[in-house]
Amino acid sequence: MENNFSAKEKRSEERSSEVIVVTSGKGGVGKTTTSANVGTGLAKLGKKVCLIDTDIGLRNLDVVMGLENRIVYNLVDVVEGNCRVKQALIRDKRHPGLYLMPSAQTRDKSAVSPGQMVKVIDHLREQFDYIILDCPAGIEQGFQNAIAGADRALVVTTPEVSAIRDADRIIGLLEANGFKQMDLIINRLRMDMVKRGDMMSASDVVDILAIPLIGIIPDDENVVVATNQGEPLVGNDTPAGRAYANVVLRVEGKEVPFLNFDKGISFWTRVTGIFHRA
């Protein structure tokens, strides 16, 4: 590890790239799909992007990206000095400037430490405009690894009580670790359920979590189709594809209006009092 990264032991004060961790706390809310679509969307804008799967033992980002058959080396190989950083990077031939560093499938999360993750990221900073870290579920070692070298966070949740409570906990942990920029993505919103009062509205979720909203992704069966095909749908003429494209523009600092999601019947009174950020 030291041989690979001896030239740069500390994070550069003048960052040449932005490192974004995509996190949530709860599994199954769409972190990996979000990582794939945001990364692909930024590459479509001409940015050089590196996606890193930090979920050691349960990698999935390679499948969502359609790159699972091209893996030779992975993140753990880099950390252990079994290969050079560039040998572990898989270039996505469909999108110039888009690369993936896959995770190891046969190791546990203790195979990489937060300090080692920072060294990997620092090595990549000068080569990429964006580095996107797909964070594993939970708040244990994998979470600590993923946030260690990040500059900002995208917190993904669905409009469900358990997912929002976990996101609330994650936001508290990010704040405790010094994060100043955290943005919220609400995934799989269904307006028919919101209007019936069976699902929290976007406004309800924002009121609870109290961080800036950067994207609302509607529930869209095209996401499942795209995931199964290994083709991120960002920018496609589908509801979710358009929504992800808007998220990408907002990540870039552009002001993009939100789609007009009618608030419907408030769900807030049913959940007030169960969220206590640590």
C-alpha atoms as a PDB file:
ATOM      1  CA  MET A   1       0.000   0.000   0.000  1.00  0.00           C
ATOM      2  CA  GLU A   2       2.758   2.436   0.951  1.00  0.00           C
ATOM      3  CA  ASN A   3       4.509   1.901  -2.386  1.00  0.00           C
ATOM      4  CA  ASN A   4       1.398   2.892  -4.283  1.00  0.00           C
ATOM      5  CA  PHE A   5       0.657   6.067  -2.343  1.00  0.00           C
ATOM      6  CA  SER A   6       3.903   7.386  -0.869  1.00  0.00           C
ATOM      7  CA  ALA A   7       3.773  10.524  -3.038  1.00  0.00           C
ATOM      8  CA  LYS A   8       0.612  11.749  -1.381  1.00  0.00           C
ATOM      9  CA  GLU A   9      -0.076  10.843   2.238  1.00  0.00           C
ATOM     10  CA  LYS A  10      -2.530  13.614   3.063  1.00  0.00           C
ATOM     11  CA  ARG A  11      -5.602  15.000   1.378  1.00  0.00           C
ATOM     12  CA  SER A  12      -4.672  17.959  -0.792  1.00  0.00           C
ATOM     13  CA  GLU A  13      -5.786  21.303   0.580  1.00  0.00           C
ATOM     14  CA  GLU A  14      -6.500  22.486  -2.957  1.00  0.00           C
ATOM     15  CA  ARG A  15      -8.687  19.669  -4.199  1.00  0.00           C
ATOM     16  CA  SER A  16      -8.580  18.924  -7.912  1.00  0.00           C
ATOM     17  CA  SER A  17     -11.736  16.822  -7.686  1.00  0.00           C
ATOM     18  CA  GLU A  18     -14.889  16.493  -5.630  1.00  0.00           C
ATOM     19  CA  VAL A  19     -15.468  13.301  -3.658  1.00  0.00           C
ATOM     20  CA  ILE A  20     -19.111  12.412  -3.033  1.00  0.00           C
ATOM     21  CA  VAL A  21     -20.325   9.592  -0.803  1.00  0.00           C
ATOM     22  CA  VAL A  22     -23.777   8.171  -1.569  1.00  0.00           C
ATOM     23  CA  THR A  23     -25.242   6.820   1.658  1.00  0.00           C
ATOM     24  CA  SER A  24     -28.488   6.076   3.471  1.00  0.00           C
ATOM     25  CA  GLY A  25     -28.179   3.746   6.449  1.00  0.00           C
ATOM     26  CA  LYS A  26     -30.923   1.386   5.318  1.00  0.00           C
ATOM     27  CA  GLY A  27     -30.273  -1.150   2.597  1.00  0.00           C
ATOM     28  CA  GLY A  28     -32.377  -1.396  -0.530  1.00  0.00           C
ATOM     29  CA  VAL A  29     -33.303   2.269  -0.911  1.00  0.00           C
ATOM     30  CA  GLY A  30     -31.371   2.853  -4.138  1.00  0.00           C
ATOM     31  CA  LYS A  31     -27.854   3.942  -3.187  1.00  0.00           C
ATOM     32  CA  THR A  32     -26.123   1.849  -5.834  1.00  0.00           C
ATOM     33  CA  THR A  33     -28.593   2.817  -8.552  1.00  0.00           C
ATOM     34  CA  THR A  34     -28.127   6.460  -7.580  1.00  0.00           C
ATOM     35  CA  SER A  35     -24.329   6.142  -7.643  1.00  0.00           C
ATOM     36  CA  ALA A  36     -24.439   4.564 -11.101  1.00  0.00           C
ATOM     37  CA  ASN A  37     -26.815   7.143 -12.550  1.00  0.00           C
ATOM     38  CA  VAL A  38     -25.135  10.201 -11.040  1.00  0.00           C
ATOM     39  CA  GLY A  39     -21.710   8.981 -12.155  1.00  0.00           C
ATOM     40  CA  THR A  40     -22.909   8.147 -15.658  1.00  0.00           C
ATOM     41  CA  GLY A  41     -24.745  11.449 -15.932  1.00  0.00           C
ATOM     42  CA  LEU A  42     -21.652  13.437 -14.964  1.00  0.00           C
ATOM     43  CA  ALA A  43     -19.632  11.493 -17.542  1.00  0.00           C
ATOM     44  CA  LYS A  44     -22.246  12.359 -20.171  1.00  0.00           C
ATOM     45  CA  LEU A  45     -21.578  16.015 -19.344  1.00  0.00           C
ATOM     46  CA  GLY A  46     -17.926  15.473 -20.226  1.00  0.00           C
ATOM     47  CA  LYS A  47     -16.608  15.034 -16.702  1.00  0.00           C
ATOM     48  CA  LYS A  48     -14.030  12.425 -15.772  1.00  0.00           C
ATOM     49  CA  VAL A  49     -15.627  10.242 -13.108  1.00  0.00           C
ATOM     50  CA  CYS A  50     -14.452   7.368 -10.923  1.00  0.00           C
ATOM     51  CA  LEU A  51     -17.054   5.210  -9.199  1.00  0.00           C
ATOM     52  CA  ILE A  52     -15.796   3.215  -6.210  1.00  0.00           C
ATOM     53  CA  ASP A  53     -17.799   0.342  -4.743  1.00  0.00           C
ATOM     54  CA  THR A  54     -16.962   0.331  -1.027  1.00  0.00           C
ATOM     55  CA  ASP A  55     -19.323  -2.526  -0.126  1.00  0.00           C
ATOM     56  CA  ILE A  56     -16.678  -5.190   0.510  1.00  0.00           C
ATOM     57  CA  GLY A  57     -18.144  -8.683   0.400  1.00  0.00           C
ATOM     58  CA  LEU A  58     -21.433  -7.666  -1.256  1.00  0.00           C
ATOM     59  CA  ARG A  59     -20.432  -5.760  -4.376  1.00  0.00           C
ATOM     60  CA  ASN A  60     -23.234  -4.760  -6.751  1.00  0.00           C
ATOM     61  CA  LEU A  61     -22.152  -1.594  -8.539  1.00  0.00           C
ATOM     62  CA  ASP A  62     -20.365  -3.577 -11.248  1.00  0.00           C
ATOM     63  CA  VAL A  63     -23.619  -5.397 -12.090  1.00  0.00           C
ATOM     64  CA  VAL A  64     -25.685  -2.210 -12.206  1.00  0.00           C
ATOM     65  CA  MET A  65     -23.051  -0.723 -14.530  1.00  0.00           C
ATOM     66  CA  GLY A  66     -22.918  -3.852 -16.707  1.00  0.00           C
ATOM     67  CA  LEU A  67     -19.191  -4.287 -16.042  1.00  0.00           C
ATOM     68  CA  GLU A  68     -19.182  -7.456 -13.932  1.00  0.00           C
ATOM     69  CA  ASN A  69     -17.457  -9.563 -16.607  1.00  0.00           C
ATOM     70  CA  ARG A  70     -14.457  -7.231 -16.870  1.00  0.00           C
ATOM     71  CA  ILE A  71     -13.211  -7.367 -13.269  1.00  0.00           C
ATOM     72  CA  VAL A  72      -9.592  -8.436 -12.795  1.00  0.00           C
ATOM     73  CA  TYR A  73      -8.503  -6.500  -9.690  1.00  0.00           C
ATOM     74  CA  ASN A  74     -10.485  -4.688  -7.007  1.00  0.00           C
ATOM     75  CA  LEU A  75     -10.247  -2.175  -4.174  1.00  0.00           C
ATOM     76  CA  VAL A  76      -8.766  -4.674  -1.716  1.00  0.00           C
ATOM     77  CA  ASP A  77      -6.092  -5.669  -4.252  1.00  0.00           C
ATOM     78  CA  VAL A  78      -5.050  -2.014  -4.439  1.00  0.00           C
ATOM     79  CA  VAL A  79      -4.903  -1.625  -0.657  1.00  0.00           C
ATOM     80  CA  GLU A  80      -2.892  -4.824  -0.243  1.00  0.00           C
ATOM     81  CA  GLY A  81      -0.422  -3.852  -2.971  1.00  0.00           C
ATOM     82  CA  ASN A  82      -1.387  -6.679  -5.328  1.00  0.00           C
ATOM     83  CA  CYS A  83      -1.857  -4.248  -8.204  1.00  0.00           C
ATOM     84  CA  ARG A  84      -1.459  -0.615  -9.169  1.00  0.00           C
ATOM     85  CA  VAL A  85      -4.449   1.697  -8.873  1.00  0.00           C
ATOM     86  CA  LYS A  86      -4.912   1.982 -12.630  1.00  0.00           C
ATOM     87  CA  GLN A  87      -5.002  -1.809 -12.963  1.00  0.00           C
ATOM     88  CA  ALA A  88      -8.107  -1.958 -10.763  1.00  0.00           C
ATOM     89  CA  LEU A  89      -9.956   0.702 -12.760  1.00  0.00           C
ATOM     90  CA  ILE A  90     -12.426  -0.538 -15.371  1.00  0.00           C
ATOM     91  CA  ARG A  91     -13.147   1.954 -18.145  1.00  0.00           C
ATOM     92  CA  ASP A  92     -16.751   2.071 -19.298  1.00  0.00           C
ATOM     93  CA  LYS A  93     -16.433   1.912 -23.088  1.00  0.00           C
ATOM     94  CA  ARG A  94     -19.872   3.463 -23.539  1.00  0.00           C
ATOM     95  CA  HIS A  95     -18.945   6.683 -21.765  1.00  0.00           C
ATOM     96  CA  PRO A  96     -15.496   8.262 -22.206  1.00  0.00           C
ATOM     97  CA  GLY A  97     -14.142   9.374 -18.864  1.00  0.00           C
ATOM     98  CA  LEU A  98     -16.181   6.954 -16.728  1.00  0.00           C
ATOM     99  CA  TYR A  99     -14.311   4.385 -14.618  1.00  0.00           C
ATOM    100  CA  LEU A 100     -15.243   1.859 -11.949  1.00  0.00           C
ATOM    101  CA  MET A 101     -13.129   0.481  -9.121  1.00  0.00           C
ATOM    102  CA  PRO A 102     -15.031  -2.636  -7.985  1.00  0.00           C
ATOM    103  CA  SER A 103     -15.119  -4.030  -4.489  1.00  0.00           C
ATOM    104  CA  ALA A 104     -13.911  -7.448  -3.378  1.00  0.00           C
ATOM    105  CA  GLN A 105     -16.561 -10.134  -3.172  1.00  0.00           C
ATOM    106  CA  THR A 106     -14.730 -12.648  -1.012  1.00  0.00           C
ATOM    107  CA  ARG A 107     -13.417 -10.487   1.833  1.00  0.00           C
ATOM    108  CA  ASP A 108     -14.965  -8.812   4.862  1.00  0.00           C
ATOM    109  CA  LYS A 109     -15.269  -5.100   5.523  1.00  0.00           C
ATOM    110  CA  SER A 110     -12.217  -5.052   7.822  1.00  0.00           C
ATOM    111  CA  ALA A 111      -9.969  -5.644   4.792  1.00  0.00           C
ATOM    112  CA  VAL A 112      -9.838  -1.859   4.273  1.00  0.00           C
ATOM    113  CA  SER A 113      -9.407   0.843   6.909  1.00  0.00           C
ATOM    114  CA  PRO A 114     -10.581   4.476   6.710  1.00  0.00           C
ATOM    115  CA  GLY A 115      -6.954   5.615   6.435  1.00  0.00           C
ATOM    116  CA  GLN A 116      -6.300   3.292   3.520  1.00  0.00           C
ATOM    117  CA  MET A 117      -9.451   4.524   1.788  1.00  0.00           C
ATOM    118  CA  VAL A 118      -8.270   8.117   2.131  1.00  0.00           C
ATOM    119  CA  LYS A 119      -4.965   7.171   0.488  1.00  0.00           C
ATOM    120  CA  VAL A 120      -6.749   5.515  -2.430  1.00  0.00           C
ATOM    121  CA  ILE A 121      -8.952   8.563  -2.921  1.00  0.00           C
ATOM    122  CA  ASP A 122      -6.060  11.001  -2.659  1.00  0.00           C
ATOM    123  CA  HIS A 123      -4.222   9.055  -5.341  1.00  0.00           C
ATOM    124  CA  LEU A 124      -7.231   9.442  -7.651  1.00  0.00           C
ATOM    125  CA  ARG A 125      -8.040  13.103  -6.975  1.00  0.00           C
ATOM    126  CA  GLU A 126      -5.698  14.557  -9.558  1.00  0.00           C
ATOM    127  CA  GLN A 127      -7.035  12.248 -12.270  1.00  0.00           C
ATOM    128  CA  PHE A 128     -10.786  12.786 -11.921  1.00  0.00           C
ATOM    129  CA  ASP A 129     -13.322  15.601 -11.709  1.00  0.00           C
ATOM    130  CA  TYR A 130     -15.586  13.506  -9.504  1.00  0.00           C
ATOM    131  CA  ILE A 131     -15.052  10.445  -7.319  1.00  0.00           C
ATOM    132  CA  ILE A 132     -18.297   8.814  -6.223  1.00  0.00           C
ATOM    133  CA  LEU A 133     -18.296   6.351  -3.333  1.00  0.00           C
ATOM    134  CA  ASP A 134     -21.130   3.828  -3.191  1.00  0.00           C
ATOM    135  CA  CYS A 135     -21.528   3.290   0.555  1.00  0.00           C
ATOM    136  CA  PRO A 136     -22.705  -0.011   2.059  1.00  0.00           C
ATOM    137  CA  ALA A 137     -25.761  -0.183   4.292  1.00  0.00           C
ATOM    138  CA  GLY A 138     -25.353   0.243   8.026  1.00  0.00           C
ATOM    139  CA  ILE A 139     -23.085   2.387  10.188  1.00  0.00           C
ATOM    140  CA  GLU A 140     -20.209   0.010  10.827  1.00  0.00           C
ATOM    141  CA  GLN A 141     -16.744  -0.326   9.236  1.00  0.00           C
ATOM    142  CA  GLY A 142     -17.971  -0.023   5.652  1.00  0.00           C
ATOM    143  CA  PHE A 143     -19.717   3.262   6.393  1.00  0.00           C
ATOM    144  CA  GLN A 144     -16.649   4.662   8.154  1.00  0.00           C
ATOM    145  CA  ASN A 145     -14.474   3.673   5.189  1.00  0.00           C
ATOM    146  CA  ALA A 146     -16.774   5.327   2.671  1.00  0.00           C
ATOM    147  CA  ILE A 147     -17.109   8.659   4.451  1.00  0.00           C
ATOM    148  CA  ALA A 148     -13.435   8.967   5.425  1.00  0.00           C
ATOM    149  CA  GLY A 149     -12.242  10.630   2.244  1.00  0.00           C
ATOM    150  CA  ALA A 150     -15.447  12.322   1.083  1.00  0.00           C
ATOM    151  CA  ASP A 151     -16.070  16.046   0.719  1.00  0.00           C
ATOM    152  CA  ARG A 152     -19.867  15.922   0.562  1.00  0.00           C
ATOM    153  CA  ALA A 153     -22.720  13.433   0.883  1.00  0.00           C
ATOM    154  CA  LEU A 154     -25.834  12.489  -1.021  1.00  0.00           C
ATOM    155  CA  VAL A 155     -28.274  10.916   1.432  1.00  0.00           C
ATOM    156  CA  VAL A 156     -30.753   8.598  -0.285  1.00  0.00           C
ATOM    157  CA  THR A 157     -34.055   7.600   1.283  1.00  0.00           C
ATOM    158  CA  THR A 158     -37.456   6.311   0.307  1.00  0.00           C
ATOM    159  CA  PRO A 159     -40.658   7.813   1.777  1.00  0.00           C
ATOM    160  CA  GLU A 160     -40.954   5.021   4.348  1.00  0.00           C
ATOM    161  CA  VAL A 161     -40.740   5.436   8.106  1.00  0.00           C
ATOM    162  CA  SER A 162     -37.892   2.948   8.618  1.00  0.00           C
ATOM    163  CA  ALA A 163     -35.801   4.366   5.765  1.00  0.00           C
ATOM    164  CA  ILE A 164     -36.269   7.950   6.916  1.00  0.00           C
ATOM    165  CA  ARG A 165     -35.406   7.100  10.507  1.00  0.00           C
ATOM    166  CA  ASP A 166     -32.171   5.446   9.325  1.00  0.00           C
ATOM    167  CA  ALA A 167     -31.388   8.421   7.082  1.00  0.00           C
ATOM    168  CA  ASP A 168     -31.910  10.717  10.065  1.00  0.00           C
ATOM    169  CA  ARG A 169     -29.366   8.695  12.031  1.00  0.00           C
ATOM    170  CA  ILE A 170     -26.893   8.820   9.131  1.00  0.00           C
ATOM    171  CA  ILE A 171     -27.231  12.600   8.864  1.00  0.00           C
ATOM    172  CA  GLY A 172     -26.395  12.895  12.546  1.00  0.00           C
ATOM    173  CA  LEU A 173     -23.292  10.744  12.081  1.00  0.00           C
ATOM    174  CA  LEU A 174     -22.209  12.758   9.052  1.00  0.00           C
ATOM    175  CA  GLU A 175     -22.565  15.965  11.053  1.00  0.00           C
ATOM    176  CA  ALA A 176     -20.513  14.436  13.867  1.00  0.00           C
ATOM    177  CA  ASN A 177     -17.805  13.629  11.316  1.00  0.00           C
ATOM    178  CA  GLY A 178     -17.618  17.228  10.133  1.00  0.00           C
ATOM    179  CA  PHE A 179     -19.680  17.094   6.947  1.00  0.00           C
ATOM    180  CA  LYS A 180     -20.918  20.546   5.939  1.00  0.00           C
ATOM    181  CA  GLN A 181     -22.575  19.690   2.629  1.00  0.00           C
ATOM    182  CA  MET A 182     -25.272  17.028   2.685  1.00  0.00           C
ATOM    183  CA  ASP A 183     -28.057  16.818   0.131  1.00  0.00           C
ATOM    184  CA  LEU A 184     -31.166  14.657   0.092  1.00  0.00           C
ATOM    185  CA  ILE A 185     -32.476  12.383  -2.662  1.00  0.00           C
ATOM    186  CA  ILE A 186     -35.980  10.996  -2.163  1.00  0.00           C
ATOM    187  CA  ASN A 187     -36.324   7.803  -4.168  1.00  0.00           C
ATOM    188  CA  ARG A 188     -39.391   5.853  -5.357  1.00  0.00           C
ATOM    189  CA  LEU A 189     -41.966   8.523  -4.605  1.00  0.00           C
ATOM    190  CA  ARG A 190     -45.498   7.521  -5.638  1.00  0.00           C
ATOM    191  CA  MET A 191     -47.871  10.441  -5.986  1.00  0.00           C
ATOM    192  CA  ASP A 192     -50.970   8.234  -6.031  1.00  0.00           C
ATOM    193  CA  MET A 193     -50.077   7.003  -2.545  1.00  0.00           C
ATOM    194  CA  VAL A 194     -49.187  10.510  -1.351  1.00  0.00           C
ATOM    195  CA  LYS A 195     -52.568  11.822  -2.489  1.00  0.00           C
ATOM    196  CA  ARG A 196     -54.349   9.026  -0.628  1.00  0.00           C
ATOM    197  CA  GLY A 197     -52.371   9.792   2.514  1.00  0.00           C
ATOM    198  CA  ASP A 198     -50.609   6.425   2.417  1.00  0.00           C
ATOM    199  CA  MET A 199     -47.099   7.775   1.789  1.00  0.00           C
ATOM    200  CA  MET A 200     -45.187  10.763   3.066  1.00  0.00           C
ATOM    201  CA  SER A 201     -44.850  13.627   0.617  1.00  0.00           C
ATOM    202  CA  ALA A 202     -41.503  15.098  -0.385  1.00  0.00           C
ATOM    203  CA  SER A 203     -42.258  18.079   1.850  1.00  0.00           C
ATOM    204  CA  ASP A 204     -42.855  15.788   4.817  1.00  0.00           C
ATOM    205  CA  VAL A 205     -39.526  14.029   4.289  1.00  0.00           C
ATOM    206  CA  VAL A 206     -37.627  17.306   3.952  1.00  0.00           C
ATOM    207  CA  ASP A 207     -39.295  18.637   7.102  1.00  0.00           C
ATOM    208  CA  ILE A 208     -38.095  15.593   9.034  1.00  0.00           C
ATOM    209  CA  LEU A 209     -34.536  15.351   7.733  1.00  0.00           C
ATOM    210  CA  ALA A 210     -33.868  19.098   7.452  1.00  0.00           C
ATOM    211  CA  ILE A 211     -31.159  19.007   4.787  1.00  0.00           C
ATOM    212  CA  PRO A 212     -31.369  20.514   1.278  1.00  0.00           C
ATOM    213  CA  LEU A 213     -33.318  18.523  -1.290  1.00  0.00           C
ATOM    214  CA  ILE A 214     -31.324  17.791  -4.456  1.00  0.00           C
ATOM    215  CA  GLY A 215     -33.585  15.274  -6.159  1.00  0.00           C
ATOM    216  CA  ILE A 216     -36.898  13.423  -6.232  1.00  0.00           C
ATOM    217  CA  ILE A 217     -36.916  10.154  -8.167  1.00  0.00           C
ATOM    218  CA  PRO A 218     -40.413   8.835  -8.948  1.00  0.00           C
ATOM    219  CA  ASP A 219     -41.188   5.151  -8.632  1.00  0.00           C
ATOM    220  CA  ASP A 220     -40.520   3.900 -12.169  1.00  0.00           C
ATOM    221  CA  GLU A 221     -40.412   0.321 -13.468  1.00  0.00           C
ATOM    222  CA  ASN A 222     -37.837   1.444 -16.045  1.00  0.00           C
ATOM    223  CA  VAL A 223     -35.265   1.535 -13.226  1.00  0.00           C
ATOM    224  CA  VAL A 224     -35.624  -2.224 -12.732  1.00  0.00           C
ATOM    225  CA  VAL A 225     -35.318  -2.850 -16.470  1.00  0.00           C
ATOM    226  CA  ALA A 226     -32.218  -0.649 -16.741  1.00  0.00           C
ATOM    227  CA  THR A 227     -30.595  -2.270 -13.699  1.00  0.00           C
ATOM    228  CA  ASN A 228     -31.151  -5.752 -15.098  1.00  0.00           C
ATOM    229  CA  GLN A 229     -29.614  -4.644 -18.400  1.00  0.00           C
ATOM    230  CA  GLY A 230     -26.608  -2.966 -16.762  1.00  0.00           C
ATOM    231  CA  GLU A 231     -27.485   0.336 -18.448  1.00  0.00           C
ATOM    232  CA  PRO A 232     -28.026   3.372 -16.177  1.00  0.00           C
ATOM    233  CA  LEU A 233     -31.059   5.272 -17.475  1.00  0.00           C
ATOM    234  CA  VAL A 234     -29.970   8.813 -16.585  1.00  0.00           C
ATOM    235  CA  GLY A 235     -30.970  11.195 -19.367  1.00  0.00           C
ATOM    236  CA  ASN A 236     -33.331   8.697 -20.985  1.00  0.00           C
ATOM    237  CA  ASP A 237     -36.871   9.790 -21.801  1.00  0.00           C
ATOM    238  CA  THR A 238     -38.351   8.109 -18.741  1.00  0.00           C
ATOM    239  CA  PRO A 239     -39.600   9.678 -15.494  1.00  0.00           C
ATOM    240  CA  ALA A 240     -36.639   8.395 -13.468  1.00  0.00           C
ATOM    241  CA  GLY A 241     -34.177   9.093 -16.279  1.00  0.00           C
ATOM    242  CA  ARG A 242     -35.222  12.740 -16.414  1.00  0.00           C
ATOM    243  CA  ALA A 243     -35.185  13.027 -12.625  1.00  0.00           C
ATOM    244  CA  TYR A 244     -31.641  11.627 -12.377  1.00  0.00           C
ATOM    245  CA  ALA A 245     -30.498  14.009 -15.117  1.00  0.00           C
ATOM    246  CA  ASN A 246     -31.787  16.899 -13.019  1.00  0.00           C
ATOM    247  CA  VAL A 247     -29.947  15.578  -9.955  1.00  0.00           C
ATOM    248  CA  VAL A 248     -26.720  15.530 -11.970  1.00  0.00           C
ATOM    249  CA  LEU A 249     -27.194  19.150 -13.021  1.00  0.00           C
ATOM    250  CA  ARG A 250     -27.817  20.169  -9.409  1.00  0.00           C
ATOM    251  CA  VAL A 251     -24.681  18.310  -8.290  1.00  0.00           C
ATOM    252  CA  GLU A 252     -22.876  20.500 -10.818  1.00  0.00           C
ATOM    253  CA  GLY A 253     -24.335  23.570  -9.128  1.00  0.00           C
ATOM    254  CA  LYS A 254     -27.012  24.353 -11.708  1.00  0.00           C
ATOM    255  CA  GLU A 255     -30.397  25.676 -10.625  1.00  0.00           C
ATOM    256  CA  VAL A 256     -32.969  23.269 -12.019  1.00  0.00           C
ATOM    257  CA  PRO A 257     -36.683  23.507 -11.124  1.00  0.00           C
ATOM    258  CA  PHE A 258     -38.210  20.478  -9.449  1.00  0.00           C
ATOM    259  CA  LEU A 259     -41.034  18.629 -11.116  1.00  0.00           C
ATOM    260  CA  ASN A 260     -44.387  19.699  -9.730  1.00  0.00           C
ATOM    261  CA  PHE A 261     -45.085  17.009  -7.154  1.00  0.00           C
ATOM    262  CA  ASP A 262     -48.448  17.780  -5.569  1.00  0.00           C
ATOM    263  CA  LYS A 263     -48.088  17.491  -1.804  1.00  0.00           C
ATOM    264  CA  GLY A 264     -51.373  15.678  -1.311  1.00  0.00           C
ATOM    265  CA  ILE A 265     -52.557  14.664   2.166  1.00  0.00           C
ATOM    266  CA  SER A 266     -49.959  15.187   4.869  1.00  0.00           C
ATOM    267  CA  PHE A 267     -48.520  12.085   6.518  1.00  0.00           C
ATOM    268  CA  TRP A 268     -46.567  14.138   9.047  1.00  0.00           C
ATOM    269  CA  THR A 269     -48.858  13.725  12.050  1.00  0.00           C
ATOM    270  CA  ARG A 270     -48.526   9.940  11.858  1.00  0.00           C
ATOM    271  CA  VAL A 271     -44.761   9.978  12.293  1.00  0.00           C
ATOM    272  CA  THR A 272     -44.084  13.013  14.481  1.00  0.00           C
ATOM    273  CA  GLY A 273     -41.998  12.111  17.508  1.00  0.00           C
ATOM    274  CA  ILE A 274     -40.282   8.950  16.298  1.00  0.00           C
ATOM    275  CA  PHE A 275     -37.264  10.708  14.798  1.00  0.00           C
ATOM    276  CA  HIS A 276     -34.548  11.672  17.273  1.00  0.00           C
ATOM    277  CA  ARG A 277     -31.282  12.489  15.581  1.00  0.00           C
ATOM    278  CA  ALA A 278     -28.264  11.448  17.586  1.00  0.00           C
END
